[in-house]
Amino acid sequence: MSTQYKKFLRLLEHWPVDSTKPGRDLGEYLRKQLKASLRAGNISSDGDAYMERQFQALERISNNIHYDKYSRLRQSTATGLTNEQCKILISDTSLKYFAEQQKGGLFASFFKNQPQK
């Protein structure tokens, strides 16, 4: 097992999988990519420089280097929602709810709320 692989495994321990977003989670995606790279043989002495750059970039994200360096004045998003509200909004439960609401399309939901004449 290469040292690059071990470094990535240690980094991924600090990047938990979010169970509310199966198939859409960054931690899950990174694990799949690492497995694919290992199977393809990309983690070798030939790809060491590339893998080291990838590792350093992910480590900076994981350690909030840029978040700390460029502090924000407000803890909200462009939508005005907090971080926790955004997490709830993009969870699978919420996305399924919105999909059910949109089954009839935009016009169907518009006319559904109109009073009958």
N, C-alpha and C. Protein backbone atom coordinates (compact mmCIF):
# COMPACT_ATOMS: atom_id res chain seq x y z
N MET A 1 0.85 -1.18 0.00
CA MET A 1 0.00 0.00 0.00
C MET A 1 0.89 1.24 0.00
N SER A 2 0.65 2.14 -0.91
CA SER A 2 1.52 3.31 -1.04
C SER A 2 1.25 4.32 0.08
N THR A 3 2.21 5.19 0.29
CA THR A 3 2.04 6.22 1.31
C THR A 3 0.97 7.22 0.89
N GLN A 4 0.83 7.45 -0.43
CA GLN A 4 -0.22 8.34 -0.92
C GLN A 4 -1.59 7.82 -0.50
N TYR A 5 -1.80 6.53 -0.69
CA TYR A 5 -3.08 5.91 -0.35
C TYR A 5 -3.37 6.05 1.14
N LYS A 6 -2.37 5.83 1.97
CA LYS A 6 -2.54 5.94 3.41
C LYS A 6 -2.88 7.38 3.81
N LYS A 7 -2.24 8.35 3.16
CA LYS A 7 -2.54 9.75 3.44
C LYS A 7 -3.98 10.08 3.08
N PHE A 8 -4.44 9.58 1.93
CA PHE A 8 -5.82 9.83 1.52
C PHE A 8 -6.79 9.18 2.50
N LEU A 9 -6.49 7.99 2.96
CA LEU A 9 -7.37 7.32 3.92
C LEU A 9 -7.48 8.13 5.22
N ARG A 10 -6.37 8.66 5.70
CA ARG A 10 -6.40 9.49 6.91
C ARG A 10 -7.23 10.74 6.68
N LEU A 11 -7.09 11.34 5.51
CA LEU A 11 -7.87 12.54 5.19
C LEU A 11 -9.35 12.22 5.13
N LEU A 12 -9.71 11.11 4.52
CA LEU A 12 -11.12 10.74 4.40
C LEU A 12 -11.77 10.40 5.73
N GLU A 13 -10.97 10.03 6.73
CA GLU A 13 -11.53 9.80 8.07
C GLU A 13 -12.11 11.08 8.64
N HIS A 14 -11.55 12.22 8.25
CA HIS A 14 -12.05 13.52 8.72
C HIS A 14 -13.17 14.06 7.84
N TRP A 15 -13.54 13.31 6.80
CA TRP A 15 -14.56 13.73 5.86
C TRP A 15 -15.68 12.71 5.87
N PRO A 16 -16.58 12.78 6.85
CA PRO A 16 -17.60 11.73 6.99
C PRO A 16 -18.61 11.76 5.84
N VAL A 17 -19.24 10.61 5.63
CA VAL A 17 -20.29 10.49 4.62
C VAL A 17 -21.59 11.01 5.22
N ASP A 18 -22.28 11.88 4.50
CA ASP A 18 -23.56 12.43 4.96
C ASP A 18 -24.66 11.48 4.52
N SER A 19 -25.29 10.82 5.47
CA SER A 19 -26.31 9.81 5.15
C SER A 19 -27.59 10.42 4.60
N THR A 20 -27.77 11.74 4.72
CA THR A 20 -28.97 12.37 4.18
C THR A 20 -28.88 12.63 2.68
N LYS A 21 -27.69 12.38 2.09
CA LYS A 21 -27.50 12.63 0.66
C LYS A 21 -26.84 11.43 -0.03
N PRO A 22 -27.45 10.26 0.02
CA PRO A 22 -26.81 9.11 -0.63
C PRO A 22 -26.69 9.31 -2.13
N GLY A 23 -25.52 9.03 -2.67
CA GLY A 23 -25.28 9.20 -4.09
C GLY A 23 -24.93 10.62 -4.50
N ARG A 24 -25.05 11.57 -3.56
CA ARG A 24 -24.76 12.97 -3.88
C ARG A 24 -23.79 13.59 -2.89
N ASP A 25 -23.17 12.78 -2.05
CA ASP A 25 -22.31 13.27 -1.00
C ASP A 25 -20.85 13.34 -1.46
N LEU A 26 -20.16 14.41 -1.10
CA LEU A 26 -18.78 14.59 -1.52
C LEU A 26 -17.86 13.55 -0.89
N GLY A 27 -18.05 13.24 0.38
CA GLY A 27 -17.23 12.22 1.03
C GLY A 27 -17.36 10.87 0.36
N GLU A 28 -18.58 10.52 0.00
CA GLU A 28 -18.83 9.26 -0.71
C GLU A 28 -18.16 9.27 -2.08
N TYR A 29 -18.28 10.39 -2.78
CA TYR A 29 -17.67 10.53 -4.11
C TYR A 29 -16.15 10.39 -4.03
N LEU A 30 -15.55 11.04 -3.05
CA LEU A 30 -14.08 10.97 -2.91
C LEU A 30 -13.61 9.54 -2.63
N ARG A 31 -14.36 8.81 -1.83
CA ARG A 31 -14.01 7.42 -1.54
C ARG A 31 -14.07 6.58 -2.81
N LYS A 32 -15.13 6.80 -3.61
CA LYS A 32 -15.25 6.05 -4.86
C LYS A 32 -14.11 6.39 -5.82
N GLN A 33 -13.74 7.65 -5.88
CA GLN A 33 -12.64 8.07 -6.76
C GLN A 33 -11.31 7.47 -6.32
N LEU A 34 -11.10 7.40 -5.02
CA LEU A 34 -9.86 6.82 -4.50
C LEU A 34 -9.79 5.33 -4.85
N LYS A 35 -10.91 4.62 -4.70
CA LYS A 35 -10.95 3.20 -5.06
C LYS A 35 -10.70 3.01 -6.55
N ALA A 36 -11.31 3.88 -7.37
CA ALA A 36 -11.13 3.78 -8.82
C ALA A 36 -9.67 4.05 -9.20
N SER A 37 -9.05 5.02 -8.56
CA SER A 37 -7.65 5.33 -8.84
C SER A 37 -6.74 4.18 -8.45
N LEU A 38 -7.07 3.55 -7.34
CA LEU A 38 -6.27 2.42 -6.88
C LEU A 38 -6.39 1.25 -7.86
N ARG A 39 -7.61 0.98 -8.31
CA ARG A 39 -7.81 -0.11 -9.27
C ARG A 39 -7.13 0.17 -10.60
N ALA A 40 -7.15 1.44 -11.01
CA ALA A 40 -6.56 1.81 -12.30
C ALA A 40 -5.03 1.93 -12.22
N GLY A 41 -4.50 1.89 -11.01
CA GLY A 41 -3.05 1.98 -10.86
C GLY A 41 -2.53 3.40 -10.92
N ASN A 42 -3.40 4.40 -10.71
CA ASN A 42 -2.96 5.79 -10.77
C ASN A 42 -2.14 6.21 -9.57
N ILE A 43 -2.24 5.45 -8.48
CA ILE A 43 -1.45 5.78 -7.30
C ILE A 43 -0.14 5.01 -7.40
N SER A 44 0.80 5.62 -8.05
CA SER A 44 2.12 5.00 -8.23
C SER A 44 3.15 6.12 -8.26
N SER A 45 4.39 5.76 -8.49
CA SER A 45 5.44 6.78 -8.51
C SER A 45 5.25 7.75 -9.69
N ASP A 46 4.60 7.28 -10.78
CA ASP A 46 4.37 8.15 -11.94
C ASP A 46 3.39 9.28 -11.62
N GLY A 47 2.37 8.97 -10.87
CA GLY A 47 1.34 9.96 -10.58
C GLY A 47 1.49 10.63 -9.24
N ASP A 48 2.64 10.50 -8.61
CA ASP A 48 2.84 11.05 -7.27
C ASP A 48 2.63 12.56 -7.21
N ALA A 49 3.15 13.29 -8.16
CA ALA A 49 3.03 14.76 -8.14
C ALA A 49 1.57 15.17 -8.27
N TYR A 50 0.85 14.54 -9.18
CA TYR A 50 -0.58 14.86 -9.35
C TYR A 50 -1.36 14.51 -8.09
N MET A 51 -1.12 13.32 -7.56
CA MET A 51 -1.84 12.89 -6.37
C MET A 51 -1.52 13.77 -5.17
N GLU A 52 -0.30 14.24 -5.08
CA GLU A 52 0.08 15.13 -3.99
C GLU A 52 -0.66 16.46 -4.09
N ARG A 53 -0.80 16.99 -5.30
CA ARG A 53 -1.57 18.24 -5.50
C ARG A 53 -3.03 18.03 -5.12
N GLN A 54 -3.59 16.90 -5.53
CA GLN A 54 -4.99 16.59 -5.19
C GLN A 54 -5.16 16.48 -3.68
N PHE A 55 -4.23 15.79 -3.05
CA PHE A 55 -4.29 15.62 -1.60
C PHE A 55 -4.23 16.97 -0.89
N GLN A 56 -3.29 17.83 -1.30
CA GLN A 56 -3.14 19.13 -0.65
C GLN A 56 -4.39 19.99 -0.83
N ALA A 57 -4.99 19.93 -2.01
CA ALA A 57 -6.21 20.71 -2.25
C ALA A 57 -7.35 20.23 -1.34
N LEU A 58 -7.52 18.92 -1.26
CA LEU A 58 -8.58 18.38 -0.41
C LEU A 58 -8.30 18.65 1.07
N GLU A 59 -7.04 18.62 1.44
CA GLU A 59 -6.68 18.90 2.83
C GLU A 59 -6.98 20.35 3.18
N ARG A 60 -6.73 21.27 2.26
CA ARG A 60 -7.05 22.69 2.50
C ARG A 60 -8.55 22.86 2.69
N ILE A 61 -9.34 22.18 1.89
CA ILE A 61 -10.80 22.26 2.03
C ILE A 61 -11.22 21.66 3.37
N SER A 62 -10.70 20.50 3.69
CA SER A 62 -11.05 19.81 4.93
C SER A 62 -10.68 20.60 6.17
N ASN A 63 -9.56 21.30 6.13
CA ASN A 63 -9.09 22.08 7.28
C ASN A 63 -9.62 23.51 7.29
N ASN A 64 -10.51 23.85 6.38
CA ASN A 64 -11.12 25.18 6.31
C ASN A 64 -10.10 26.30 6.17
N ILE A 65 -9.03 26.05 5.45
CA ILE A 65 -7.98 27.06 5.29
C ILE A 65 -8.54 28.34 4.67
N HIS A 66 -9.26 28.23 3.58
CA HIS A 66 -9.79 29.42 2.90
C HIS A 66 -10.96 30.02 3.66
N TYR A 67 -11.73 29.20 4.33
CA TYR A 67 -12.84 29.69 5.15
C TYR A 67 -12.31 30.58 6.26
N ASP A 68 -11.21 30.15 6.87
CA ASP A 68 -10.61 30.95 7.94
C ASP A 68 -9.87 32.17 7.39
N LYS A 69 -9.22 32.01 6.26
CA LYS A 69 -8.43 33.11 5.69
C LYS A 69 -9.33 34.25 5.21
N TYR A 70 -10.47 33.92 4.63
CA TYR A 70 -11.40 34.92 4.10
C TYR A 70 -12.69 34.86 4.91
N SER A 71 -12.63 35.39 6.13
CA SER A 71 -13.79 35.30 7.02
C SER A 71 -14.97 36.08 6.44
N ARG A 72 -16.14 35.57 6.77
CA ARG A 72 -17.37 36.18 6.28
C ARG A 72 -17.99 37.06 7.35
N LEU A 73 -18.62 38.14 6.92
CA LEU A 73 -19.27 39.04 7.87
C LEU A 73 -20.59 38.46 8.36
N ARG A 74 -21.28 37.76 7.48
CA ARG A 74 -22.59 37.19 7.83
C ARG A 74 -22.55 35.68 7.64
N GLN A 75 -23.30 34.98 8.45
CA GLN A 75 -23.36 33.53 8.34
C GLN A 75 -24.64 33.10 7.63
N SER A 76 -24.89 33.67 6.47
CA SER A 76 -26.05 33.30 5.67
C SER A 76 -25.60 33.06 4.24
N THR A 77 -26.52 32.64 3.41
CA THR A 77 -26.22 32.36 2.01
C THR A 77 -26.90 33.39 1.13
N ALA A 78 -26.77 33.24 -0.17
CA ALA A 78 -27.42 34.15 -1.11
C ALA A 78 -28.95 34.08 -0.98
N THR A 79 -29.44 32.95 -0.51
CA THR A 79 -30.89 32.79 -0.34
C THR A 79 -31.38 33.39 0.96
N GLY A 80 -30.45 33.73 1.86
CA GLY A 80 -30.83 34.25 3.16
C GLY A 80 -31.00 33.16 4.20
N LEU A 81 -30.80 31.91 3.80
CA LEU A 81 -30.93 30.79 4.72
C LEU A 81 -29.62 30.53 5.44
N THR A 82 -29.71 29.94 6.62
CA THR A 82 -28.51 29.57 7.35
C THR A 82 -27.93 28.28 6.77
N ASN A 83 -26.74 27.93 7.20
CA ASN A 83 -26.08 26.70 6.76
C ASN A 83 -26.95 25.48 7.10
N GLU A 84 -27.49 25.45 8.30
CA GLU A 84 -28.31 24.32 8.74
C GLU A 84 -29.60 24.23 7.92
N GLN A 85 -30.22 25.36 7.61
CA GLN A 85 -31.43 25.36 6.79
C GLN A 85 -31.13 24.85 5.38
N CYS A 86 -29.98 25.22 4.83
CA CYS A 86 -29.59 24.73 3.50
C CYS A 86 -29.38 23.22 3.52
N LYS A 87 -28.76 22.69 4.59
CA LYS A 87 -28.57 21.25 4.70
C LYS A 87 -29.91 20.51 4.68
N ILE A 88 -30.87 21.04 5.42
CA ILE A 88 -32.20 20.43 5.45
C ILE A 88 -32.85 20.51 4.08
N LEU A 89 -32.71 21.63 3.43
CA LEU A 89 -33.34 21.85 2.13
C LEU A 89 -32.83 20.90 1.05
N ILE A 90 -31.54 20.56 1.08
CA ILE A 90 -30.99 19.69 0.04
C ILE A 90 -30.92 18.22 0.46
N SER A 91 -31.52 17.88 1.60
CA SER A 91 -31.56 16.48 2.01
C SER A 91 -32.49 15.70 1.08
N ASP A 92 -32.33 14.40 1.02
CA ASP A 92 -33.16 13.57 0.15
C ASP A 92 -34.64 13.68 0.51
N THR A 93 -34.94 13.79 1.79
CA THR A 93 -36.33 13.90 2.23
C THR A 93 -36.98 15.14 1.62
N SER A 94 -36.29 16.27 1.71
CA SER A 94 -36.83 17.52 1.15
C SER A 94 -36.94 17.45 -0.36
N LEU A 95 -35.93 16.89 -1.03
CA LEU A 95 -35.97 16.80 -2.48
C LEU A 95 -37.11 15.91 -2.95
N LYS A 96 -37.38 14.82 -2.24
CA LYS A 96 -38.52 13.95 -2.58
C LYS A 96 -39.84 14.71 -2.41
N TYR A 97 -39.93 15.48 -1.33
CA TYR A 97 -41.13 16.27 -1.09
C TYR A 97 -41.36 17.26 -2.22
N PHE A 98 -40.32 17.98 -2.62
CA PHE A 98 -40.46 18.95 -3.71
C PHE A 98 -40.81 18.28 -5.03
N ALA A 99 -40.26 17.11 -5.27
CA ALA A 99 -40.57 16.37 -6.50
C ALA A 99 -42.04 15.98 -6.53
N GLU A 100 -42.58 15.56 -5.38
CA GLU A 100 -44.00 15.20 -5.32
C GLU A 100 -44.88 16.41 -5.55
N GLN A 101 -44.45 17.56 -5.05
CA GLN A 101 -45.22 18.79 -5.22
C GLN A 101 -45.25 19.24 -6.69
N GLN A 102 -44.22 18.90 -7.44
CA GLN A 102 -44.09 19.34 -8.83
C GLN A 102 -44.59 18.31 -9.83
N LYS A 103 -45.20 17.21 -9.39
CA LYS A 103 -45.61 16.15 -10.31
C LYS A 103 -46.51 16.66 -11.43
N GLY A 104 -47.42 17.53 -11.12
CA GLY A 104 -48.33 18.02 -12.14
C GLY A 104 -47.74 19.15 -12.97
N GLY A 105 -46.56 19.60 -12.63
CA GLY A 105 -45.94 20.70 -13.34
C GLY A 105 -46.25 22.03 -12.70
N LEU A 106 -45.66 23.07 -13.21
CA LEU A 106 -45.81 24.40 -12.64
C LEU A 106 -47.25 24.90 -12.75
N PHE A 107 -47.87 24.71 -13.91
CA PHE A 107 -49.22 25.22 -14.10
C PHE A 107 -50.24 24.44 -13.28
N ALA A 108 -50.04 23.15 -13.13
CA ALA A 108 -50.96 22.35 -12.32
C ALA A 108 -50.94 22.80 -10.87
N SER A 109 -49.77 23.09 -10.34
CA SER A 109 -49.70 23.55 -8.95
C SER A 109 -50.28 24.96 -8.82
N PHE A 110 -50.16 25.76 -9.86
CA PHE A 110 -50.72 27.11 -9.83
C PHE A 110 -52.24 27.06 -9.82
N PHE A 111 -52.80 26.25 -10.72
CA PHE A 111 -54.25 26.17 -10.81
C PHE A 111 -54.87 25.40 -9.66
N LYS A 112 -54.12 24.54 -9.03
CA LYS A 112 -54.63 23.77 -7.88
C LYS A 112 -54.99 24.71 -6.73
N ASN A 113 -54.27 25.82 -6.60
CA ASN A 113 -54.50 26.74 -5.50
C ASN A 113 -55.50 27.85 -5.85
N GLN A 114 -55.98 27.88 -7.09
CA GLN A 114 -56.94 28.90 -7.51
C GLN A 114 -58.35 28.50 -7.09
N PRO A 115 -59.16 29.47 -6.68
CA PRO A 115 -60.55 29.16 -6.30
C PRO A 115 -61.36 28.71 -7.53
N GLN A 116 -62.23 27.75 -7.32
CA GLN A 116 -63.09 27.24 -8.39
C GLN A 116 -64.22 28.23 -8.64
N LYS A 117 -64.59 28.41 -9.92
CA LYS A 117 -65.70 29.32 -10.26
C LYS A 117 -66.94 28.54 -10.61
